[in-house]
Structures are given as C-alpha cells and as structure tokens.
C-alpha cells in the first residue's frame, strides 16, 4: 500500500509540474503574440485632453491615500471587462440553449479588437504601461485558449452528446447553467481567480443526481464538467498567487471629488463614505469599485450630485448597450461600437466622457432608453 501511495504522489507531482509548465508556455506564447499584435493597432485621436499631474494631485486631496490612479487605466479596463460581459452573455445563453451554439470564436475576436482599440486610444496621450499590457495579454490569452478549447469540444463530442439527448437539457446541463450564472455574478464584483471552481466541482458530484434520462449525455457532461472545473480551479489558484505576488491587492474604493446639493445628499448615498468636506457644497468621497461603482454613480447623479474628479482624473470611459440608434450627448465622444455576438440585435458602445459632464451624459443616455452598462473607474 505504501509503494502504491508513493507512486500516486509521484504521479500527481509529475502532472502538476507539467501542468504548470504548460500554463507558462501558453502565457509566454500569448505575450509574444499579443505584443506583435499590438504593433498593428493604429493610433486614435482623442477628443479630450488627459488630466495633468497637478490636476491629478490637487491640494484639496493632500493626505488622502490612493486619491488618484492613472487615467489611461480607464481604457485598459475596457477589454478586461469585456471578458466579464462575455461570461455574462454565455451564462444568459446557457439558461435556455445548449452550449454548442454559443459564439465562442466571435467573443475571442472581439476581445482582441477591444484590446487593440484601448491601446490605440491611449498610446499617444498617456505614458506606456507595461504591466497593463502584460495583464491584458495574459488574461486575453487564457480567455482565448479557454473558449477555443470549449468551442472545439462542444462543436464535436458535445454536439454528438446533445444529439443523443434529442437536444434536451439534463440535470448536468442545468447545473452548469447555474454555475455559469453564479460565476458571472461573482466576476462583476471580484477578480475571476477568486471564484471557487473547487466548490462547483464538489457540488456537481454532491447535488446532481447520477440517475436520469439521456444517460449518455449525462455521463459525457459529468466527465467534461469535472475536467473543466478541475482545470479552472487549478488555473485560478495559480493566477491568484502570481497576481498577488506581482501586483499586491487591488484597492476596493475609488475616490471622487463631487459637488452635492446638500450635506444630507452627500452623506446619504449607500456604501459611499464622505472623506473630506471642502466647502461650497464640495466633498471628497469614496465609492466602492467594480460594478457597484456604476450603480452608485447612477444613484448619485439621480440625486443631483455632479462629479468634478474621479480618482484625480478628468476623462472616463463608459459603455452602453442599446438596440436602437441614439444621439451622442455633448461631453462624450464615441471610441468604439460592436454588435454583441450572442445578441445581434444589441450593440455595445464605448464612450469617452469628461468627468464634469458625466452626470449630464448619463442622464441624457437614460432618457433615450440606453442601458448604462459600466463606468470604467480606472
């Protein structure tokens, strides 16, 4: 028994060692391909000038830790968040349709076009940011490999197993759709590598019944999801270690200089904390980051608050989703627009806004029944 146990440990270590090597090989190839790709991105002229160093570090904000962040990050978070939108679109798709019909390759192509667009917009006006490019190429490569592998599998063996079930969903399909929704909700508020795919794997075997109709589809789905969740758990753990070692831990708040109609309005926003009162109705406050920043900023402008600076910056990118043309408000300029592959009736449009005009822009878009998808808070 001891000999068998030693062999098992050696086999496990060998598998882990080669898995790590494969991950780093794929990342290295992705970095090379990504940097070569970036040279093909043509520069884009921006309508609005970037904030100066003095503007990013006003005297009024002295003593406030992490008040400002690089303005170019608003561009580089756009392709990063595209992966979130893709996961959400895939999760919504899986609620009613089988995974072999999803637009995997179109999503891959759109990610790299968005990365190219962000790089082209920032390259001439802002300092070069190697860590941002490394991060975007790494996550873009892993996203591309993940979707390419899933597309290849779902379009072959997955499609055959769908045929054996007469294109009906099994309990494993329903469980996978639930995990996809849970994952999509999670990555709106936390980094993807913090999601527990190990918990999802345990749930697959603990919660989903082994017996049921369409046993061939059930067996194939169970085997595929076991492999999928296992690989995802290993990869997310590896990326979390690498990210924390390289970049540390992300801030969870964004500082904002606002003008509010009254102290009651300034202090009445949910999860928003007043840091400093500047007089004349001006305040420096802290908003939560990620998707919650979008929700709280919309609440703020509805209550009459106007933004003067966000993270020390005067320009910020927003994305909107619409199924109809709309008039571009003054104070905003279109950066990019794409048809959403899995929802071809809808388009996603990226707009660059001046921060002092952000409230006017958001309200004007809402009046045209345009969905404010995200405000990219650096």
Foldseek 3Di string as FASTA:
>chain_A
DVVVVVVVVVVVVVVLVVLVVVLVVLLVVLLVVLVVLLVPQAADDDPDAWDDPCLLPDPQCPPPPLQADDQLLLLLVVLVCLLLVLLQLQLVCLVPADNLPDDLVVSLVVSSVSNSLSCNHAVPRHDDDVVSSSVSSSVSSVSNVVSVVVNVCCNPVVVVLCVLVVVDDALLSNLVSVVSNVLSVVVQQDPSLPDQLVVSLVCLVVPHDCDDPSNSSSVVSNVVSNVVSVSSNSVSVVVVVVCCVPPNDDDFKKKFKKAAPDPCLQPVQPQKAFDADDDPRITIIIFTDGARNVVRVLVSLVRPMFTDDISSIFKWKWKWKDLDDDDQDPQKDWSDKDQDVSHNSMMITIIMGGRRCVSVRVVRCVVVVIGGRGISRD
